[in-house]
Amino acid sequence: MENIKIADVESGLGHYKDQLDKIISKEKLIREVGFAVQAANSNKKLLECTRASIIKCVYNVALTGLSLNPIKKEAAMVPKYINGEWQAILFPMYQGIAKLLTDTGSVTSIQTAVVFQGDEFEYELGLRQDLVHKPKHKSKVIEYAYAIGRLADGTFMIEVMDLETLDYIRDCSETWKAYKKGNIKEGDVIWIKWHDEMCRKSVLKRLCKSLPKTEQWKQVQEAINLDDEEYTISHNQEDYLLSLINTSSYDDDMKAIMERKVTAGLNPTEFEVMKKDLVECQVNPVHAGHYNQKELSTHLKNVGQDNRKGSGSLFEPEK
């Protein structure tokens, strides 16, 4: 395995100079290239990754505004087993997403934590939100994860996930699936290597859906979309299923079950099956939500496609 050189990355990024000049300063880009090369050359598994994927990581750093500086702990470059080969992906950490959120002005502060077995933990949602967590340090078995966002007006928003939901999200991870099939080792699984981190980030991403959006929200969404490449359907697809569930003829208990499955994560096959079923089970098939029949067909066609960037789209020749 030959070490990657700074010149290799700079050459690969050269094709996108015009785009990069608009989103990142030359000085910061040089620093991030250095961090990427340092990370790759100190990790044997990253050296097995395609050079294009390493270059893509640096591009995505510029796109999100995160940094690969290990001291900041905003993002990391990690190896991922995709379609029979190793590729480097940008791994936004929960600290990085929290930083982007505070930069937008949507929140003034973010707190995330996991609750271990034996901790004192109580929470209340609804009109009166409250949360009490007193760690006891008696166990390393995670039972809950939560995120708290303080809004500009001083109010708080709380999101809580139990272990069942966290495990469901983990099970949708392509890396976890590869591990269960025996294709990769335990040490290469993000959900095993950084279990605490993944639980915190999962609940923080869920909280993001409820936070007020600002004009600076684009970088937050880019970071979440990149992180979701580890999973399955896009946020637009997820939101559309939730709207169909709300207007379906199912009872409240079944709706709650379906909503939980959707928000935890679906693969493309599950998305198609649920979409077909929900369209057929609308209370008023002519007016599902805000769409008439023609608009619904058009919307299904558009949303039925994953709108995230393809794994190689950043490096295709410009047309």
C-alpha atoms as a PDB file:
ATOM      1  CA  MET A   1       0.000   0.000   0.000  1.00  0.00           C
ATOM      2  CA  GLU A   2       1.643   3.181  -1.205  1.00  0.00           C
ATOM      3  CA  ASN A   3       1.234   6.352   0.831  1.00  0.00           C
ATOM      4  CA  ILE A   4      -0.962   9.038  -0.656  1.00  0.00           C
ATOM      5  CA  LYS A   5       0.710  12.353  -1.461  1.00  0.00           C
ATOM      6  CA  ILE A   6      -0.591  15.877  -1.061  1.00  0.00           C
ATOM      7  CA  ALA A   7      -0.020  16.420  -4.779  1.00  0.00           C
ATOM      8  CA  ASP A   8      -2.360  13.492  -5.548  1.00  0.00           C
ATOM      9  CA  VAL A   9      -5.244  15.117  -3.680  1.00  0.00           C
ATOM     10  CA  GLU A  10      -4.559  18.611  -4.997  1.00  0.00           C
ATOM     11  CA  SER A  11      -4.487  17.262  -8.541  1.00  0.00           C
ATOM     12  CA  GLY A  12      -7.844  15.520  -8.078  1.00  0.00           C
ATOM     13  CA  LEU A  13      -9.398  18.677  -6.650  1.00  0.00           C
ATOM     14  CA  GLY A  14      -8.026  20.794  -9.484  1.00  0.00           C
ATOM     15  CA  HIS A  15     -10.934  19.906 -11.748  1.00  0.00           C
ATOM     16  CA  TYR A  16     -13.266  21.643  -9.284  1.00  0.00           C
ATOM     17  CA  LYS A  17     -11.288  24.791  -8.629  1.00  0.00           C
ATOM     18  CA  ASP A  18     -14.164  27.106  -9.637  1.00  0.00           C
ATOM     19  CA  GLN A  19     -16.600  25.423  -7.236  1.00  0.00           C
ATOM     20  CA  LEU A  20     -14.093  25.266  -4.390  1.00  0.00           C
ATOM     21  CA  ASP A  21     -13.132  28.932  -4.752  1.00  0.00           C
ATOM     22  CA  LYS A  22     -16.751  29.836  -3.938  1.00  0.00           C
ATOM     23  CA  ILE A  23     -17.066  27.787  -0.744  1.00  0.00           C
ATOM     24  CA  ILE A  24     -13.652  27.590   0.920  1.00  0.00           C
ATOM     25  CA  SER A  25     -10.552  29.758   1.201  1.00  0.00           C
ATOM     26  CA  LYS A  26      -7.314  28.540  -0.343  1.00  0.00           C
ATOM     27  CA  GLU A  27      -5.601  28.553   3.053  1.00  0.00           C
ATOM     28  CA  LYS A  28      -8.286  26.395   4.698  1.00  0.00           C
ATOM     29  CA  LEU A  29      -8.362  24.000   1.749  1.00  0.00           C
ATOM     30  CA  ILE A  30      -4.586  23.496   1.968  1.00  0.00           C
ATOM     31  CA  ARG A  31      -4.914  22.731   5.682  1.00  0.00           C
ATOM     32  CA  GLU A  32      -7.730  20.246   5.109  1.00  0.00           C
ATOM     33  CA  VAL A  33      -5.778  18.464   2.370  1.00  0.00           C
ATOM     34  CA  GLY A  34      -2.937  18.114   4.862  1.00  0.00           C
ATOM     35  CA  PHE A  35      -5.261  16.668   7.520  1.00  0.00           C
ATOM     36  CA  ALA A  36      -6.708  14.212   4.986  1.00  0.00           C
ATOM     37  CA  VAL A  37      -3.306  12.989   3.815  1.00  0.00           C
ATOM     38  CA  GLN A  38      -2.100  12.656   7.403  1.00  0.00           C
ATOM     39  CA  ALA A  39      -5.190  10.622   8.348  1.00  0.00           C
ATOM     40  CA  ALA A  40      -4.911   8.353   5.304  1.00  0.00           C
ATOM     41  CA  ASN A  41      -1.213   7.627   5.731  1.00  0.00           C
ATOM     42  CA  SER A  42      -1.667   6.730   9.401  1.00  0.00           C
ATOM     43  CA  ASN A  43      -4.477   4.241   8.750  1.00  0.00           C
ATOM     44  CA  LYS A  44      -3.776   1.087   6.712  1.00  0.00           C
ATOM     45  CA  LYS A  45      -7.451   0.588   5.928  1.00  0.00           C
ATOM     46  CA  LEU A  46      -7.761   4.134   4.551  1.00  0.00           C
ATOM     47  CA  LEU A  47      -4.800   3.442   2.275  1.00  0.00           C
ATOM     48  CA  GLU A  48      -6.829   0.591   0.796  1.00  0.00           C
ATOM     49  CA  CYS A  49      -9.581   3.057  -0.119  1.00  0.00           C
ATOM     50  CA  THR A  50      -9.910   4.444  -3.623  1.00  0.00           C
ATOM     51  CA  ARG A  51      -8.052   7.689  -4.238  1.00  0.00           C
ATOM     52  CA  ALA A  52     -11.233   9.198  -5.702  1.00  0.00           C
ATOM     53  CA  SER A  53     -13.098   8.610  -2.433  1.00  0.00           C
ATOM     54  CA  ILE A  54     -10.350  10.323  -0.427  1.00  0.00           C
ATOM     55  CA  ILE A  55     -10.508  13.313  -2.746  1.00  0.00           C
ATOM     56  CA  LYS A  56     -14.285  13.312  -2.379  1.00  0.00           C
ATOM     57  CA  CYS A  57     -13.896  13.521   1.402  1.00  0.00           C
ATOM     58  CA  VAL A  58     -11.880  16.718   1.080  1.00  0.00           C
ATOM     59  CA  TYR A  59     -14.448  18.166  -1.319  1.00  0.00           C
ATOM     60  CA  ASN A  60     -17.198  17.327   1.164  1.00  0.00           C
ATOM     61  CA  VAL A  61     -15.250  19.033   3.938  1.00  0.00           C
ATOM     62  CA  ALA A  62     -15.406  22.211   1.866  1.00  0.00           C
ATOM     63  CA  LEU A  63     -19.089  21.635   1.101  1.00  0.00           C
ATOM     64  CA  THR A  64     -20.116  21.292   4.740  1.00  0.00           C
ATOM     65  CA  GLY A  65     -17.729  23.721   6.389  1.00  0.00           C
ATOM     66  CA  LEU A  66     -16.494  21.018   8.764  1.00  0.00           C
ATOM     67  CA  SER A  67     -12.836  20.285   9.468  1.00  0.00           C
ATOM     68  CA  LEU A  68     -10.733  17.115   9.526  1.00  0.00           C
ATOM     69  CA  ASN A  69      -8.541  18.666  12.224  1.00  0.00           C
ATOM     70  CA  PRO A  70      -8.478  15.858  14.849  1.00  0.00           C
ATOM     71  CA  ILE A  71      -8.294  18.391  17.672  1.00  0.00           C
ATOM     72  CA  LYS A  72     -11.650  19.969  16.730  1.00  0.00           C
ATOM     73  CA  LYS A  73     -13.473  16.593  16.465  1.00  0.00           C
ATOM     74  CA  GLU A  74     -15.894  17.970  13.876  1.00  0.00           C
ATOM     75  CA  ALA A  75     -15.440  15.235  11.282  1.00  0.00           C
ATOM     76  CA  ALA A  76     -13.245  12.285  10.424  1.00  0.00           C
ATOM     77  CA  MET A  77     -12.337  10.317   7.338  1.00  0.00           C
ATOM     78  CA  VAL A  78     -13.262   6.663   7.848  1.00  0.00           C
ATOM     79  CA  PRO A  79     -13.090   3.566   5.618  1.00  0.00           C
ATOM     80  CA  LYS A  80     -16.366   2.020   4.485  1.00  0.00           C
ATOM     81  CA  TYR A  81     -16.927  -1.262   2.642  1.00  0.00           C
ATOM     82  CA  ILE A  82     -19.069  -0.445  -0.429  1.00  0.00           C
ATOM     83  CA  ASN A  83     -19.900  -2.848  -3.237  1.00  0.00           C
ATOM     84  CA  GLY A  84     -16.899  -5.065  -2.596  1.00  0.00           C
ATOM     85  CA  GLU A  85     -14.273  -2.328  -2.156  1.00  0.00           C
ATOM     86  CA  TRP A  86     -13.085   0.070   0.505  1.00  0.00           C
ATOM     87  CA  GLN A  87     -13.965   3.737   0.129  1.00  0.00           C
ATOM     88  CA  ALA A  88     -13.233   6.685   2.380  1.00  0.00           C
ATOM     89  CA  ILE A  89     -16.278   8.607   3.581  1.00  0.00           C
ATOM     90  CA  LEU A  90     -16.591  11.862   5.470  1.00  0.00           C
ATOM     91  CA  PHE A  91     -17.910  11.046   8.931  1.00  0.00           C
ATOM     92  CA  PRO A  92     -19.510  14.133  10.540  1.00  0.00           C
ATOM     93  CA  MET A  93     -19.266  13.843  14.316  1.00  0.00           C
ATOM     94  CA  TYR A  94     -22.047  15.023  16.590  1.00  0.00           C
ATOM     95  CA  GLN A  95     -19.767  17.873  17.720  1.00  0.00           C
ATOM     96  CA  GLY A  96     -19.460  18.973  14.085  1.00  0.00           C
ATOM     97  CA  ILE A  97     -23.217  18.921  13.483  1.00  0.00           C
ATOM     98  CA  ALA A  98     -23.751  20.816  16.749  1.00  0.00           C
ATOM     99  CA  LYS A  99     -21.215  23.414  15.593  1.00  0.00           C
ATOM    100  CA  LEU A 100     -23.012  23.869  12.264  1.00  0.00           C
ATOM    101  CA  LEU A 101     -26.344  24.232  14.078  1.00  0.00           C
ATOM    102  CA  THR A 102     -25.103  27.000  16.349  1.00  0.00           C
ATOM    103  CA  ASP A 103     -23.505  28.712  13.335  1.00  0.00           C
ATOM    104  CA  THR A 104     -26.932  28.905  11.651  1.00  0.00           C
ATOM    105  CA  GLY A 105     -28.472  30.734  14.579  1.00  0.00           C
ATOM    106  CA  SER A 106     -31.215  28.109  14.914  1.00  0.00           C
ATOM    107  CA  VAL A 107     -29.957  27.288  18.389  1.00  0.00           C
ATOM    108  CA  THR A 108     -27.649  28.946  20.860  1.00  0.00           C
ATOM    109  CA  SER A 109     -26.400  25.667  22.324  1.00  0.00           C
ATOM    110  CA  ILE A 110     -26.694  21.912  21.804  1.00  0.00           C
ATOM    111  CA  GLN A 111     -26.312  19.119  24.347  1.00  0.00           C
ATOM    112  CA  THR A 112     -26.262  15.402  23.552  1.00  0.00           C
ATOM    113  CA  ALA A 113     -25.680  12.434  25.846  1.00  0.00           C
ATOM    114  CA  VAL A 114     -26.303   8.725  26.243  1.00  0.00           C
ATOM    115  CA  VAL A 115     -28.024   7.151  29.222  1.00  0.00           C
ATOM    116  CA  PHE A 116     -26.431   4.009  30.627  1.00  0.00           C
ATOM    117  CA  GLN A 117     -28.159   1.208  32.455  1.00  0.00           C
ATOM    118  CA  GLY A 118     -28.545   2.190  36.117  1.00  0.00           C
ATOM    119  CA  ASP A 119     -28.579   5.958  35.484  1.00  0.00           C
ATOM    120  CA  GLU A 120     -31.429   7.997  36.939  1.00  0.00           C
ATOM    121  CA  PHE A 121     -33.339   9.212  33.892  1.00  0.00           C
ATOM    122  CA  GLU A 122     -36.753  10.821  33.499  1.00  0.00           C
ATOM    123  CA  TYR A 123     -38.159  12.932  30.709  1.00  0.00           C
ATOM    124  CA  GLU A 124     -41.406  14.578  29.731  1.00  0.00           C
ATOM    125  CA  LEU A 125     -42.367  15.727  26.239  1.00  0.00           C
ATOM    126  CA  GLY A 126     -45.291  17.784  25.006  1.00  0.00           C
ATOM    127  CA  LEU A 127     -46.261  21.300  26.095  1.00  0.00           C
ATOM    128  CA  ARG A 128     -44.146  20.975  29.246  1.00  0.00           C
ATOM    129  CA  GLN A 129     -40.823  19.483  28.273  1.00  0.00           C
ATOM    130  CA  ASP A 130     -38.429  18.373  30.963  1.00  0.00           C
ATOM    131  CA  LEU A 131     -35.487  16.017  31.274  1.00  0.00           C
ATOM    132  CA  VAL A 132     -33.492  14.818  34.288  1.00  0.00           C
ATOM    133  CA  HIS A 133     -30.385  12.676  33.856  1.00  0.00           C
ATOM    134  CA  LYS A 134     -28.187  11.717  36.791  1.00  0.00           C
ATOM    135  CA  PRO A 135     -25.332   9.405  35.700  1.00  0.00           C
ATOM    136  CA  LYS A 136     -24.415   6.649  38.157  1.00  0.00           C
ATOM    137  CA  HIS A 137     -21.369   5.276  36.281  1.00  0.00           C
ATOM    138  CA  LYS A 138     -22.363   1.695  37.044  1.00  0.00           C
ATOM    139  CA  SER A 139     -22.631   0.322  33.507  1.00  0.00           C
ATOM    140  CA  LYS A 140     -21.549   0.845  29.875  1.00  0.00           C
ATOM    141  CA  VAL A 141     -24.794  -0.547  28.446  1.00  0.00           C
ATOM    142  CA  ILE A 142     -26.651   2.236  26.628  1.00  0.00           C
ATOM    143  CA  GLU A 143     -30.415   2.452  27.142  1.00  0.00           C
ATOM    144  CA  TYR A 144     -31.267   5.899  25.729  1.00  0.00           C
ATOM    145  CA  ALA A 145     -29.745   8.800  23.837  1.00  0.00           C
ATOM    146  CA  TYR A 146     -31.031  12.358  23.938  1.00  0.00           C
ATOM    147  CA  ALA A 147     -30.385  15.775  22.437  1.00  0.00           C
ATOM    148  CA  ILE A 148     -31.392  19.187  23.779  1.00  0.00           C
ATOM    149  CA  GLY A 149     -31.373  22.363  21.730  1.00  0.00           C
ATOM    150  CA  ARG A 150     -31.685  25.804  23.320  1.00  0.00           C
ATOM    151  CA  LEU A 151     -33.444  28.193  20.942  1.00  0.00           C
ATOM    152  CA  ALA A 152     -32.737  31.900  20.580  1.00  0.00           C
ATOM    153  CA  ASP A 153     -35.822  32.778  22.661  1.00  0.00           C
ATOM    154  CA  GLY A 154     -34.545  30.708  25.587  1.00  0.00           C
ATOM    155  CA  THR A 155     -36.906  27.759  25.136  1.00  0.00           C
ATOM    156  CA  PHE A 156     -35.688  24.192  24.753  1.00  0.00           C
ATOM    157  CA  MET A 157     -36.425  21.370  22.327  1.00  0.00           C
ATOM    158  CA  ILE A 158     -35.815  17.780  23.414  1.00  0.00           C
ATOM    159  CA  GLU A 159     -35.449  14.548  21.441  1.00  0.00           C
ATOM    160  CA  VAL A 160     -35.087  11.106  23.066  1.00  0.00           C
ATOM    161  CA  MET A 161     -34.394   7.696  21.479  1.00  0.00           C
ATOM    162  CA  ASP A 162     -34.593   4.350  23.241  1.00  0.00           C
ATOM    163  CA  LEU A 163     -32.268   1.418  22.590  1.00  0.00           C
ATOM    164  CA  GLU A 164     -34.752  -0.341  20.308  1.00  0.00           C
ATOM    165  CA  THR A 165     -34.857   2.659  17.963  1.00  0.00           C
ATOM    166  CA  LEU A 166     -31.089   3.124  18.068  1.00  0.00           C
ATOM    167  CA  ASP A 167     -30.560  -0.551  17.238  1.00  0.00           C
ATOM    168  CA  TYR A 168     -33.004  -0.278  14.340  1.00  0.00           C
ATOM    169  CA  ILE A 169     -31.011   2.617  12.898  1.00  0.00           C
ATOM    170  CA  ARG A 170     -27.795   0.639  13.382  1.00  0.00           C
ATOM    171  CA  ASP A 171     -29.295  -2.348  11.573  1.00  0.00           C
ATOM    172  CA  CYS A 172     -29.995  -0.144   8.524  1.00  0.00           C
ATOM    173  CA  SER A 173     -26.320   0.792   8.249  1.00  0.00           C
ATOM    174  CA  GLU A 174     -24.622  -0.702   5.208  1.00  0.00           C
ATOM    175  CA  THR A 175     -21.467  -1.249   7.255  1.00  0.00           C
ATOM    176  CA  TRP A 176     -23.422  -3.169   9.897  1.00  0.00           C
ATOM    177  CA  LYS A 177     -25.051  -5.307   7.201  1.00  0.00           C
ATOM    178  CA  ALA A 178     -21.627  -6.094   5.721  1.00  0.00           C
ATOM    179  CA  TYR A 179     -20.395  -7.067   9.199  1.00  0.00           C
ATOM    180  CA  LYS A 180     -23.362  -9.375   9.806  1.00  0.00           C
ATOM    181  CA  LYS A 181     -22.669 -11.064   6.462  1.00  0.00           C
ATOM    182  CA  GLY A 182     -19.058 -11.627   7.499  1.00  0.00           C
ATOM    183  CA  ASN A 183     -17.600  -9.306   4.864  1.00  0.00           C
ATOM    184  CA  ILE A 184     -15.792  -7.027   7.316  1.00  0.00           C
ATOM    185  CA  LYS A 185     -14.299  -7.358  10.782  1.00  0.00           C
ATOM    186  CA  GLU A 186     -15.698  -5.970  14.024  1.00  0.00           C
ATOM    187  CA  GLY A 187     -12.971  -3.322  14.250  1.00  0.00           C
ATOM    188  CA  ASP A 188     -14.093  -1.806  10.942  1.00  0.00           C
ATOM    189  CA  VAL A 189     -17.723  -1.274  12.001  1.00  0.00           C
ATOM    190  CA  ILE A 190     -18.594   2.326  12.862  1.00  0.00           C
ATOM    191  CA  TRP A 191     -21.457   1.288  15.137  1.00  0.00           C
ATOM    192  CA  ILE A 192     -19.126  -0.908  17.188  1.00  0.00           C
ATOM    193  CA  LYS A 193     -16.013   1.267  17.148  1.00  0.00           C
ATOM    194  CA  TRP A 194     -17.907   4.491  17.949  1.00  0.00           C
ATOM    195  CA  HIS A 195     -21.171   3.277  19.491  1.00  0.00           C
ATOM    196  CA  ASP A 196     -21.528   6.241  21.866  1.00  0.00           C
ATOM    197  CA  GLU A 197     -20.806   8.690  19.030  1.00  0.00           C
ATOM    198  CA  MET A 198     -23.323   7.076  16.677  1.00  0.00           C
ATOM    199  CA  CYS A 199     -26.093   7.078  19.305  1.00  0.00           C
ATOM    200  CA  ARG A 200     -25.528  10.764  20.066  1.00  0.00           C
ATOM    201  CA  LYS A 201     -25.444  11.678  16.397  1.00  0.00           C
ATOM    202  CA  SER A 202     -28.575   9.674  15.574  1.00  0.00           C
ATOM    203  CA  VAL A 203     -30.709  11.492  18.133  1.00  0.00           C
ATOM    204  CA  LEU A 204     -29.188  14.874  17.184  1.00  0.00           C
ATOM    205  CA  LYS A 205     -30.095  14.313  13.531  1.00  0.00           C
ATOM    206  CA  ARG A 206     -33.657  13.528  14.626  1.00  0.00           C
ATOM    207  CA  LEU A 207     -33.768  16.772  16.638  1.00  0.00           C
ATOM    208  CA  CYS A 208     -32.633  18.696  13.545  1.00  0.00           C
ATOM    209  CA  LYS A 209     -35.953  17.918  11.876  1.00  0.00           C
ATOM    210  CA  SER A 210     -37.809  19.923  14.521  1.00  0.00           C
ATOM    211  CA  LEU A 211     -35.467  22.902  14.792  1.00  0.00           C
ATOM    212  CA  PRO A 212     -36.356  26.191  13.064  1.00  0.00           C
ATOM    213  CA  LYS A 213     -34.572  26.570   9.729  1.00  0.00           C
ATOM    214  CA  THR A 214     -32.557  29.626   8.744  1.00  0.00           C
ATOM    215  CA  GLU A 215     -30.903  30.853   5.559  1.00  0.00           C
ATOM    216  CA  GLN A 216     -27.653  29.259   6.760  1.00  0.00           C
ATOM    217  CA  TRP A 217     -29.196  25.794   7.049  1.00  0.00           C
ATOM    218  CA  LYS A 218     -27.651  24.475   3.813  1.00  0.00           C
ATOM    219  CA  GLN A 219     -24.402  23.265   5.385  1.00  0.00           C
ATOM    220  CA  VAL A 220     -26.305  21.424   8.126  1.00  0.00           C
ATOM    221  CA  GLN A 221     -28.375  19.631   5.505  1.00  0.00           C
ATOM    222  CA  GLU A 222     -25.288  18.803   3.448  1.00  0.00           C
ATOM    223  CA  ALA A 223     -23.631  17.229   6.510  1.00  0.00           C
ATOM    224  CA  ILE A 224     -26.738  15.196   7.334  1.00  0.00           C
ATOM    225  CA  ASN A 225     -27.155  14.049   3.730  1.00  0.00           C
ATOM    226  CA  LEU A 226     -23.525  12.903   3.623  1.00  0.00           C
ATOM    227  CA  ASP A 227     -23.955  11.053   6.888  1.00  0.00           C
ATOM    228  CA  ASP A 228     -27.125   9.407   5.592  1.00  0.00           C
ATOM    229  CA  GLU A 229     -25.158   7.839   2.730  1.00  0.00           C
ATOM    230  CA  GLU A 230     -24.261   5.229   5.343  1.00  0.00           C
ATOM    231  CA  TYR A 231     -27.941   4.354   5.362  1.00  0.00           C
ATOM    232  CA  THR A 232     -30.732   4.370   2.867  1.00  0.00           C
ATOM    233  CA  ILE A 233     -33.517   6.729   1.789  1.00  0.00           C
ATOM    234  CA  SER A 234     -33.207  10.516   1.754  1.00  0.00           C
ATOM    235  CA  HIS A 235     -34.933  12.978   4.078  1.00  0.00           C
ATOM    236  CA  ASN A 236     -37.319  14.073   1.319  1.00  0.00           C
ATOM    237  CA  GLN A 237     -38.413  10.482   0.802  1.00  0.00           C
ATOM    238  CA  GLU A 238     -38.800  10.032   4.552  1.00  0.00           C
ATOM    239  CA  ASP A 239     -40.885  13.206   4.944  1.00  0.00           C
ATOM    240  CA  TYR A 240     -43.125  12.184   2.072  1.00  0.00           C
ATOM    241  CA  LEU A 241     -43.858   8.781   3.625  1.00  0.00           C
ATOM    242  CA  LEU A 242     -44.715  10.491   6.900  1.00  0.00           C
ATOM    243  CA  SER A 243     -47.193  12.756   5.092  1.00  0.00           C
ATOM    244  CA  LEU A 244     -48.818   9.723   3.457  1.00  0.00           C
ATOM    245  CA  ILE A 245     -49.035   7.931   6.806  1.00  0.00           C
ATOM    246  CA  ASN A 246     -50.795  10.953   8.314  1.00  0.00           C
ATOM    247  CA  THR A 247     -53.472  10.950   5.597  1.00  0.00           C
ATOM    248  CA  SER A 248     -53.884   7.168   5.399  1.00  0.00           C
ATOM    249  CA  SER A 249     -56.852   5.104   6.610  1.00  0.00           C
ATOM    250  CA  TYR A 250     -54.778   3.174   9.181  1.00  0.00           C
ATOM    251  CA  ASP A 251     -55.673   3.488  12.865  1.00  0.00           C
ATOM    252  CA  ASP A 252     -53.500   5.535  15.225  1.00  0.00           C
ATOM    253  CA  ASP A 253     -51.622   2.514  16.618  1.00  0.00           C
ATOM    254  CA  MET A 254     -50.597   1.305  13.149  1.00  0.00           C
ATOM    255  CA  LYS A 255     -49.666   4.845  12.115  1.00  0.00           C
ATOM    256  CA  ALA A 256     -47.375   5.120  15.152  1.00  0.00           C
ATOM    257  CA  ILE A 257     -45.666   1.824  14.254  1.00  0.00           C
ATOM    258  CA  MET A 258     -45.157   2.897  10.643  1.00  0.00           C
ATOM    259  CA  GLU A 259     -43.864   6.338  11.645  1.00  0.00           C
ATOM    260  CA  ARG A 260     -41.324   4.705  13.938  1.00  0.00           C
ATOM    261  CA  LYS A 261     -40.078   2.466  11.133  1.00  0.00           C
ATOM    262  CA  VAL A 262     -39.774   5.398   8.726  1.00  0.00           C
ATOM    263  CA  THR A 263     -37.911   7.723  11.085  1.00  0.00           C
ATOM    264  CA  ALA A 264     -35.561   4.925  12.172  1.00  0.00           C
ATOM    265  CA  GLY A 265     -34.550   4.280   8.542  1.00  0.00           C
ATOM    266  CA  LEU A 266     -35.736   2.307   5.522  1.00  0.00           C
ATOM    267  CA  ASN A 267     -33.878   0.793   2.617  1.00  0.00           C
ATOM    268  CA  PRO A 268     -35.015   1.519  -0.967  1.00  0.00           C
ATOM    269  CA  THR A 269     -37.024  -1.720  -1.245  1.00  0.00           C
ATOM    270  CA  GLU A 270     -38.877  -1.017   2.003  1.00  0.00           C
ATOM    271  CA  PHE A 271     -39.550   2.512   0.785  1.00  0.00           C
ATOM    272  CA  GLU A 272     -41.158   1.307  -2.453  1.00  0.00           C
ATOM    273  CA  VAL A 273     -43.318  -1.284  -0.664  1.00  0.00           C
ATOM    274  CA  MET A 274     -44.553   1.186   1.957  1.00  0.00           C
ATOM    275  CA  LYS A 275     -45.099   3.945  -0.596  1.00  0.00           C
ATOM    276  CA  LYS A 276     -47.270   1.683  -2.766  1.00  0.00           C
ATOM    277  CA  ASP A 277     -49.311   0.527   0.222  1.00  0.00           C
ATOM    278  CA  LEU A 278     -49.841   4.044   1.585  1.00  0.00           C
ATOM    279  CA  VAL A 279     -50.895   5.501  -1.750  1.00  0.00           C
ATOM    280  CA  GLU A 280     -53.549   2.774  -1.992  1.00  0.00           C
ATOM    281  CA  CYS A 281     -54.712   3.405   1.585  1.00  0.00           C
ATOM    282  CA  GLN A 282     -55.369   7.138   1.429  1.00  0.00           C
ATOM    283  CA  VAL A 283     -58.628   8.317   2.981  1.00  0.00           C
ATOM    284  CA  ASN A 284     -59.250  10.388  -0.131  1.00  0.00           C
ATOM    285  CA  PRO A 285     -57.162   9.012  -3.024  1.00  0.00           C
ATOM    286  CA  VAL A 286     -57.920  12.062  -5.146  1.00  0.00           C
ATOM    287  CA  HIS A 287     -56.678  14.521  -2.533  1.00  0.00           C
ATOM    288  CA  ALA A 288     -53.838  12.968  -0.545  1.00  0.00           C
ATOM    289  CA  GLY A 289     -52.465  15.731   1.596  1.00  0.00           C
ATOM    290  CA  HIS A 290     -52.123  18.867  -0.540  1.00  0.00           C
ATOM    291  CA  TYR A 291     -51.908  17.007  -3.870  1.00  0.00           C
ATOM    292  CA  ASN A 292     -54.607  16.196  -6.411  1.00  0.00           C
ATOM    293  CA  GLN A 293     -54.249  12.943  -8.352  1.00  0.00           C
ATOM    294  CA  LYS A 294     -52.086  14.417 -11.126  1.00  0.00           C
ATOM    295  CA  GLU A 295     -49.864  16.296  -8.682  1.00  0.00           C
ATOM    296  CA  LEU A 296     -49.572  13.189  -6.520  1.00  0.00           C
ATOM    297  CA  SER A 297     -48.302  11.114  -9.443  1.00  0.00           C
ATOM    298  CA  THR A 298     -45.743  13.760 -10.328  1.00  0.00           C
ATOM    299  CA  HIS A 299     -44.642  14.123  -6.722  1.00  0.00           C
ATOM    300  CA  LEU A 300     -44.273  10.374  -6.293  1.00  0.00           C
ATOM    301  CA  LYS A 301     -42.108  10.226  -9.381  1.00  0.00           C
ATOM    302  CA  ASN A 302     -39.840  13.001  -8.100  1.00  0.00           C
ATOM    303  CA  VAL A 303     -39.628  11.953  -4.457  1.00  0.00           C
ATOM    304  CA  GLY A 304     -39.309   8.292  -5.360  1.00  0.00           C
ATOM    305  CA  GLN A 305     -35.787   9.003  -6.495  1.00  0.00           C
ATOM    306  CA  ASP A 306     -33.000   9.403  -3.967  1.00  0.00           C
ATOM    307  CA  ASN A 307     -32.056  13.070  -4.263  1.00  0.00           C
ATOM    308  CA  ARG A 308     -28.679  12.787  -2.568  1.00  0.00           C
ATOM    309  CA  LYS A 309     -25.459  13.100  -4.536  1.00  0.00           C
ATOM    310  CA  GLY A 310     -24.220   9.863  -6.028  1.00  0.00           C
ATOM    311  CA  SER A 311     -21.011   8.395  -4.665  1.00  0.00           C
ATOM    312  CA  GLY A 312     -19.077   9.387  -7.754  1.00  0.00           C
ATOM    313  CA  SER A 313     -20.979  12.459  -8.929  1.00  0.00           C
ATOM    314  CA  LEU A 314     -18.440  14.926  -7.598  1.00  0.00           C
ATOM    315  CA  PHE A 315     -15.730  13.522  -9.786  1.00  0.00           C
ATOM    316  CA  GLU A 316     -17.520  13.127 -13.078  1.00  0.00           C
ATOM    317  CA  PRO A 317     -16.235  15.412 -15.845  1.00  0.00           C
ATOM    318  CA  GLU A 318     -18.070  18.708 -16.063  1.00  0.00           C
ATOM    319  CA  LYS A 319     -20.475  18.980 -18.973  1.00  0.00           C
END
